[in-house]
Protein backbone atom coordinates (compact mmCIF):
# COMPACT_ATOMS: atom_id res chain seq x y z
CA MET A 1 -22.81 -1.63 -22.12
CA ALA A 2 -22.17 -4.21 -19.38
CA PHE A 3 -18.78 -5.20 -17.95
CA LYS A 4 -17.49 -7.44 -15.14
CA ALA A 5 -17.21 -5.96 -11.65
CA LEU A 6 -16.82 -7.18 -8.08
CA LEU A 7 -19.80 -5.60 -6.36
CA ALA A 8 -20.13 -5.39 -2.56
CA THR A 9 -23.73 -5.40 -1.33
CA LYS A 10 -25.26 -5.32 2.14
CA SER A 11 -28.53 -6.77 3.37
CA GLY A 12 -29.10 -6.12 7.06
CA GLU A 13 -25.79 -7.08 8.64
CA THR A 14 -24.83 -9.49 5.85
CA ILE A 15 -22.25 -8.34 3.28
CA SER A 16 -21.84 -10.14 -0.04
CA ASN A 17 -19.10 -9.73 -2.64
CA ASP A 18 -20.02 -11.06 -6.07
CA VAL A 19 -18.70 -10.76 -9.63
CA VAL A 20 -21.60 -9.30 -11.62
CA ALA A 21 -22.39 -7.75 -14.99
CA PHE A 22 -22.48 -4.02 -14.27
CA ASP A 23 -23.96 -1.47 -16.66
CA GLU A 24 -21.69 1.40 -17.67
CA ALA A 25 -24.66 3.76 -17.40
CA ASP A 26 -24.73 3.07 -13.64
CA LEU A 27 -21.19 4.28 -13.02
CA MET A 28 -20.88 7.36 -10.82
CA PRO A 29 -20.17 10.82 -12.28
CA GLY A 30 -16.65 11.70 -13.41
CA ASP A 31 -14.87 13.44 -16.25
CA VAL A 32 -12.59 10.52 -17.20
CA THR A 33 -13.56 6.98 -18.18
CA VAL A 34 -10.83 4.35 -17.90
CA ALA A 35 -10.64 0.91 -19.45
CA VAL A 36 -9.09 -0.88 -16.48
CA ASP A 37 -6.27 -3.36 -17.09
CA TYR A 38 -5.31 -4.30 -13.54
CA SER A 39 -6.16 -3.67 -9.92
CA THR A 40 -4.63 -5.07 -6.76
CA VAL A 41 -5.59 -6.36 -3.32
CA ASN A 42 -4.27 -4.31 -0.39
CA PHE A 43 -4.86 -4.71 3.35
CA LYS A 44 -7.46 -1.94 3.12
CA ASP A 45 -9.24 -3.84 0.33
CA ALA A 46 -9.30 -6.90 2.56
CA MET A 47 -10.87 -4.86 5.36
CA ALA A 48 -13.43 -3.41 2.93
CA LEU A 49 -14.50 -6.79 1.59
CA GLY A 50 -14.52 -8.19 5.13
CA GLY A 51 -17.03 -5.57 6.31
CA ARG A 52 -14.53 -3.58 8.41
CA ASN A 53 -16.34 -0.21 7.97
CA ILE A 54 -14.33 0.91 4.94
CA ILE A 55 -17.20 0.95 2.43
CA ARG A 56 -19.60 3.71 3.40
CA THR A 57 -22.30 3.27 0.79
CA TYR A 58 -23.71 0.08 -0.70
CA PRO A 59 -23.83 -1.35 -3.31
CA LEU A 60 -20.31 -0.38 -4.36
CA ILE A 61 -17.63 -1.72 -6.67
CA ALA A 62 -14.68 -2.39 -4.38
CA GLY A 63 -10.97 -1.81 -5.01
CA ILE A 64 -8.92 1.20 -3.90
CA ASP A 65 -6.48 0.98 -6.85
CA LEU A 66 -6.64 0.75 -10.62
CA ALA A 67 -4.45 1.20 -13.68
CA GLY A 68 -5.57 1.34 -17.27
CA THR A 69 -6.02 3.40 -20.41
CA VAL A 70 -8.23 6.45 -20.81
CA GLU A 71 -11.06 5.88 -23.26
CA ALA A 72 -12.97 9.15 -22.71
CA SER A 73 -11.99 12.43 -21.06
CA THR A 74 -13.13 16.03 -20.68
CA TYR A 75 -10.46 16.74 -18.07
CA PRO A 76 -7.70 19.17 -19.14
CA GLY A 77 -4.36 17.43 -19.54
CA ILE A 78 -5.72 13.87 -19.65
CA ALA A 79 -6.41 12.52 -23.13
CA VAL A 80 -7.79 9.39 -24.71
CA GLY A 81 -5.01 6.81 -24.83
CA ASP A 82 -3.17 8.05 -21.73
CA ARG A 83 -2.10 5.33 -19.30
CA VAL A 84 -3.15 6.32 -15.79
CA VAL A 85 -3.13 5.09 -12.21
CA ALA A 86 -5.49 5.89 -9.33
CA ASN A 87 -4.85 5.21 -5.64
CA GLY A 88 -7.17 5.97 -2.76
CA TRP A 89 -9.31 9.11 -2.81
CA GLY A 90 -12.87 7.81 -2.38
CA LEU A 91 -12.42 4.55 -4.27
CA SER A 92 -14.06 1.62 -2.47
CA GLN A 93 -15.39 3.99 0.19
CA THR A 94 -17.86 6.35 -1.46
CA HIS A 95 -17.02 5.88 -5.16
CA HIS A 96 -16.91 2.78 -7.37
CA GLY A 97 -13.40 1.34 -7.35
CA GLY A 98 -10.94 -0.69 -9.34
CA PHE A 99 -12.26 -4.26 -9.19
CA ALA A 100 -13.98 -3.80 -12.55
CA GLN A 101 -13.25 -3.59 -16.26
CA LYS A 102 -14.27 0.08 -16.40
CA ALA A 103 -14.13 3.07 -14.07
CA ARG A 104 -15.40 6.64 -14.30
CA LEU A 105 -13.42 9.03 -12.11
CA SER A 106 -12.48 12.61 -11.47
CA GLY A 107 -9.39 13.58 -13.41
CA ASP A 108 -8.04 15.11 -10.20
CA TRP A 109 -7.58 11.58 -8.87
CA LEU A 110 -5.42 10.33 -11.73
CA VAL A 111 -1.67 10.28 -12.27
CA LYS A 112 -0.22 9.63 -15.69
CA LEU A 113 2.02 6.60 -15.54
CA PRO A 114 5.73 7.18 -16.19
CA GLU A 115 6.90 5.50 -19.39
CA ALA A 116 9.09 3.03 -17.48
CA LEU A 117 6.08 1.41 -15.79
CA SER A 118 3.40 -0.77 -17.38
CA THR A 119 -0.12 -0.86 -16.00
CA LYS A 120 0.70 -4.27 -14.54
CA ASN A 121 3.83 -2.85 -12.88
CA ALA A 122 1.67 -0.06 -11.45
CA MET A 123 -0.63 -2.52 -9.75
CA ALA A 124 2.20 -4.75 -8.56
CA ILE A 125 3.23 -1.54 -6.82
CA GLY A 126 -0.31 -0.39 -5.94
CA THR A 127 -1.21 1.61 -2.88
CA ALA A 128 1.14 -0.54 -0.81
CA GLY A 129 4.19 0.29 -2.92
CA TYR A 130 3.16 3.90 -3.40
CA THR A 131 2.82 4.14 0.40
CA ALA A 132 6.27 2.59 0.77
CA MET A 133 7.70 5.31 -1.47
CA LEU A 134 5.88 8.03 0.48
CA SER A 135 7.54 6.53 3.56
CA VAL A 136 10.98 6.64 1.94
CA LEU A 137 10.41 10.28 0.99
CA ALA A 138 9.49 11.04 4.61
CA LEU A 139 12.66 9.36 5.89
CA GLU A 140 14.70 11.44 3.46
CA HIS A 141 12.83 14.60 4.45
CA GLY A 142 13.77 13.83 8.06
CA GLY A 143 17.44 13.84 7.07
CA LEU A 144 18.19 10.12 7.04
CA THR A 145 20.98 8.83 4.83
CA PRO A 146 22.48 5.32 4.61
CA ASP A 147 25.45 6.27 6.80
CA ARG A 148 23.12 7.05 9.72
CA GLY A 149 22.46 3.37 10.42
CA ASP A 150 19.97 0.55 9.88
CA ILE A 151 16.38 1.01 8.77
CA LEU A 152 13.82 -1.38 10.25
CA VAL A 153 10.84 -2.50 8.17
CA THR A 154 7.97 -4.12 10.09
CA GLY A 155 5.31 -6.26 8.46
CA ALA A 156 8.13 -7.10 6.10
CA SER A 157 6.43 -9.88 4.13
CA GLY A 158 3.42 -7.72 3.28
CA GLY A 159 2.97 -5.30 0.40
CA VAL A 160 4.31 -2.14 2.02
CA GLY A 161 7.15 -4.04 3.65
CA SER A 162 8.23 -5.89 0.51
CA ILE A 163 8.43 -2.75 -1.62
CA ALA A 164 10.04 -0.72 1.19
CA ILE A 165 12.82 -3.30 1.58
CA SER A 166 13.51 -3.25 -2.14
CA LEU A 167 13.56 0.55 -2.37
CA LEU A 168 15.66 1.13 0.74
CA SER A 169 18.25 -1.54 -0.02
CA ASP A 170 18.73 -0.21 -3.55
CA LEU A 171 19.25 3.27 -2.08
CA GLY A 172 22.13 1.88 -0.01
CA TYR A 173 20.47 1.43 3.39
CA ARG A 174 21.11 -1.63 5.51
CA VAL A 175 17.60 -2.99 6.04
CA VAL A 176 16.40 -5.05 9.01
CA ALA A 177 13.16 -6.93 8.25
CA SER A 178 10.73 -7.85 11.02
CA THR A 179 8.37 -10.73 10.22
CA GLY A 180 6.29 -13.36 11.94
CA ARG A 181 6.93 -15.76 9.07
CA PRO A 182 10.48 -17.11 9.30
CA GLU A 183 9.83 -19.27 6.24
CA GLU A 184 9.95 -16.04 4.21
CA THR A 185 13.55 -15.27 5.17
CA ASP A 186 14.98 -16.19 1.76
CA TYR A 187 12.32 -14.06 0.04
CA LEU A 188 13.12 -11.05 2.24
CA ARG A 189 16.86 -11.41 1.71
CA ALA A 190 16.31 -11.62 -2.05
CA LEU A 191 14.51 -8.27 -1.86
CA GLY A 192 17.50 -6.75 -0.06
CA ALA A 193 17.08 -7.35 3.67
CA ALA A 194 20.46 -7.69 5.39
CA GLU A 195 18.94 -9.08 8.60
CA VAL A 196 15.62 -10.74 9.48
CA ILE A 197 14.23 -10.64 13.03
CA ASP A 198 11.21 -12.26 14.67
CA ARG A 199 8.31 -9.85 15.09
CA ARG A 200 7.67 -11.28 18.58
CA THR A 201 10.69 -9.32 19.79
CA LEU A 202 8.66 -6.17 19.11
CA SER A 203 5.01 -7.12 19.44
CA GLU A 204 4.68 -7.47 23.23
CA PRO A 205 4.52 -4.62 25.79
CA GLY A 206 8.00 -3.22 26.31
CA ALA A 207 10.05 -0.60 28.13
CA PRO A 208 9.28 3.07 27.45
CA ILE A 209 12.78 3.50 26.08
CA GLY A 210 15.45 0.96 25.20
CA GLY A 211 18.81 0.53 23.56
CA GLU A 212 19.38 2.39 20.29
CA ARG A 213 19.14 -0.10 17.41
CA TRP A 214 18.08 1.63 14.17
CA ALA A 215 18.24 5.09 12.63
CA GLY A 216 14.73 4.84 11.26
CA ALA A 217 11.85 2.56 10.47
CA VAL A 218 8.92 1.99 8.14
CA ASP A 219 6.07 0.62 10.25
CA SER A 220 2.78 -0.78 8.96
CA VAL A 221 1.82 -2.61 12.16
CA GLY A 222 1.04 -0.04 14.87
CA SER A 223 0.22 -0.80 18.53
CA HIS A 224 2.95 -2.33 20.75
CA THR A 225 5.16 -2.92 17.73
CA LEU A 226 5.31 0.77 16.85
CA ALA A 227 5.82 1.72 20.50
CA ASN A 228 8.79 -0.65 20.75
CA VAL A 229 10.20 0.54 17.42
CA LEU A 230 10.16 4.13 18.70
CA ALA A 231 11.72 3.09 22.02
CA GLN A 232 14.71 1.56 20.18
CA THR A 233 15.25 4.29 17.57
CA LYS A 234 18.55 6.18 17.62
CA TYR A 235 19.01 9.85 18.46
CA ARG A 236 17.36 12.09 15.82
CA GLY A 237 15.91 9.05 14.08
CA VAL A 238 12.79 9.02 11.92
CA VAL A 239 9.96 6.49 12.01
CA THR A 240 7.08 6.44 9.53
CA THR A 241 3.69 4.93 10.32
CA CYS A 242 1.14 3.88 7.72
CA GLY A 243 -0.80 0.89 9.05
CA LEU A 244 -2.55 -0.86 11.91
CA ALA A 245 -2.11 -4.58 11.31
CA GLN A 246 -1.61 -5.15 15.05
CA GLY A 247 -3.87 -2.32 16.20
CA ALA A 248 -4.71 1.37 16.04
CA ASP A 249 -3.49 2.06 19.58
CA LEU A 250 -0.05 3.45 20.46
CA PRO A 251 0.70 2.25 24.01
CA GLY A 252 4.06 3.99 24.32
CA SER A 253 5.84 6.89 25.96
CA VAL A 254 6.94 10.42 25.11
CA LEU A 255 10.50 9.50 26.15
CA PRO A 256 11.80 8.68 22.63
CA PHE A 257 10.59 12.09 21.48
CA ILE A 258 11.89 14.23 24.33
CA LEU A 259 15.10 12.32 25.11
CA ARG A 260 16.19 11.24 21.62
CA HIS A 261 14.52 13.80 19.36
CA VAL A 262 12.83 10.98 17.42
CA THR A 263 10.39 12.02 14.69
CA LEU A 264 7.19 10.04 14.05
CA ALA A 265 5.90 10.81 10.55
CA GLY A 266 2.38 9.81 9.55
CA ILE A 267 1.88 8.58 5.99
CA ASP A 268 -1.49 9.20 4.29
CA SER A 269 -1.84 7.63 0.86
CA VAL A 270 -5.56 8.32 0.41
CA ASN A 271 -5.64 12.11 0.22
CA ALA A 272 -2.00 12.93 -0.52
CA PRO A 273 -1.63 16.07 -2.68
CA GLN A 274 -1.25 15.53 -6.41
CA ALA A 275 2.29 16.93 -6.50
CA GLU A 276 3.38 14.42 -3.87
CA ARG A 277 1.75 11.56 -5.79
CA ILE A 278 3.47 12.55 -9.03
CA ARG A 279 6.82 12.76 -7.21
CA ALA A 280 6.31 9.34 -5.61
CA TRP A 281 5.41 7.64 -8.90
CA ALA A 282 8.34 9.32 -10.65
CA ARG A 283 10.72 8.02 -7.96
CA LEU A 284 9.20 4.54 -8.23
CA ALA A 285 9.80 4.57 -11.98
CA GLU A 286 13.40 5.68 -11.45
CA GLY A 287 14.41 3.63 -8.44
CA LEU A 288 12.37 0.44 -8.15
CA ASP A 289 14.10 -2.70 -9.40
CA LEU A 290 11.41 -4.31 -11.58
CA SER A 291 13.06 -7.72 -11.30
CA LYS A 292 12.57 -7.53 -7.52
CA LEU A 293 9.00 -6.30 -8.05
CA THR A 294 8.28 -9.41 -10.11
CA ARG A 295 9.36 -11.57 -7.15
CA THR A 296 6.68 -9.97 -4.99
CA GLU A 297 3.70 -10.40 -7.32
CA THR A 298 0.98 -13.02 -7.75
CA VAL A 299 -1.72 -12.54 -10.41
CA VAL A 300 -5.36 -13.48 -9.75
CA THR A 301 -8.78 -12.88 -11.34
CA LEU A 302 -11.79 -10.97 -10.02
CA ALA A 303 -13.31 -14.26 -8.90
CA ASP A 304 -10.29 -14.89 -6.65
CA VAL A 305 -10.29 -11.52 -4.88
CA THR A 306 -12.60 -12.30 -1.96
CA GLY A 307 -10.61 -15.41 -1.04
CA VAL A 308 -7.33 -13.49 -1.25
CA ALA A 309 -8.78 -10.76 0.97
CA GLY A 310 -9.54 -13.31 3.68
CA GLU A 311 -6.00 -14.66 3.52
CA ILE A 312 -4.56 -11.15 3.81
CA LEU A 313 -6.54 -10.56 7.01
CA GLN A 314 -5.07 -13.81 8.35
CA GLY A 315 -1.52 -12.73 7.46
CA LYS A 316 -1.08 -15.51 4.92
CA ILE A 317 -0.31 -13.50 1.77
CA ARG A 318 3.24 -12.61 0.77
CA GLY A 319 4.06 -9.54 -1.27
CA ARG A 320 1.66 -8.09 -3.82
CA THR A 321 -1.49 -9.55 -5.40
CA VAL A 322 -2.29 -8.17 -8.86
CA VAL A 323 -5.83 -8.53 -10.17
CA ASP A 324 -6.25 -9.04 -13.93
CA VAL A 325 -9.79 -7.71 -14.24
CA ASN A 326 -10.09 -8.94 -17.84
CA ALA A 327 -9.11 -12.57 -17.19
């Protein structure tokens, strides 16, 4: 049986991304088959479709996220009719991903969706929002509470940033949003940002240590931005890092760590243990304001995905892009 899929192919050095009719018999092995409702376009998806060495085997159905309903399963604890979500693992790297109407996966990769979330909600959250929640959990693990001071969110207009602002503000933190798009100020304030600053104040080379400005931060940018964030973090502050929009380098100093006891916590969404995933999705179901989530989302079709990916790489997309794979 054939279904629609966005298939990435490579010929020499040329990569093509096309919506094709894909035969279910050609799906990779797995003990759960999912009828996909929605996927989403993350920064990593944009890199994959742009040929940035994410996809390791061609041809491959792209998409690191999916949410849908189980239509066949031999995996213990996952039954036909269950609503499930998948984020990361090998999707869009070595295993067919979520930009398709069907997926066959290992049951180990799936989380049952909490009742409070629809499959569309799950993909408005996606890896970006799930990563934002992992970041919040890391801040809490580091001992941060709202009375400790401001929390900075870099890359604020993007997916991780948008969801992080919403989560943190609803938990009572005063959130400072860093963005290079001042026209998005009203959007960021509507999500809960108390203050919006220009990313240029953080993106250039800076001093190894500076004045104490925030108790913690959620950074998805990396490079000079992350170095400057660390340099201006308060004593015993916590900074999470989950992205490299500016770069993978960290041109900073050990001074924030040895003089201010700052903690830098790495966030890995791809291979996070199942227990941590379940906890993150449960917290999202409990604590994410769905009316704010709706403000972040735009819905597109499979045919639109490649164009959206290019705009993400250019920093032109706000919030979350949900892909209705059946439209």
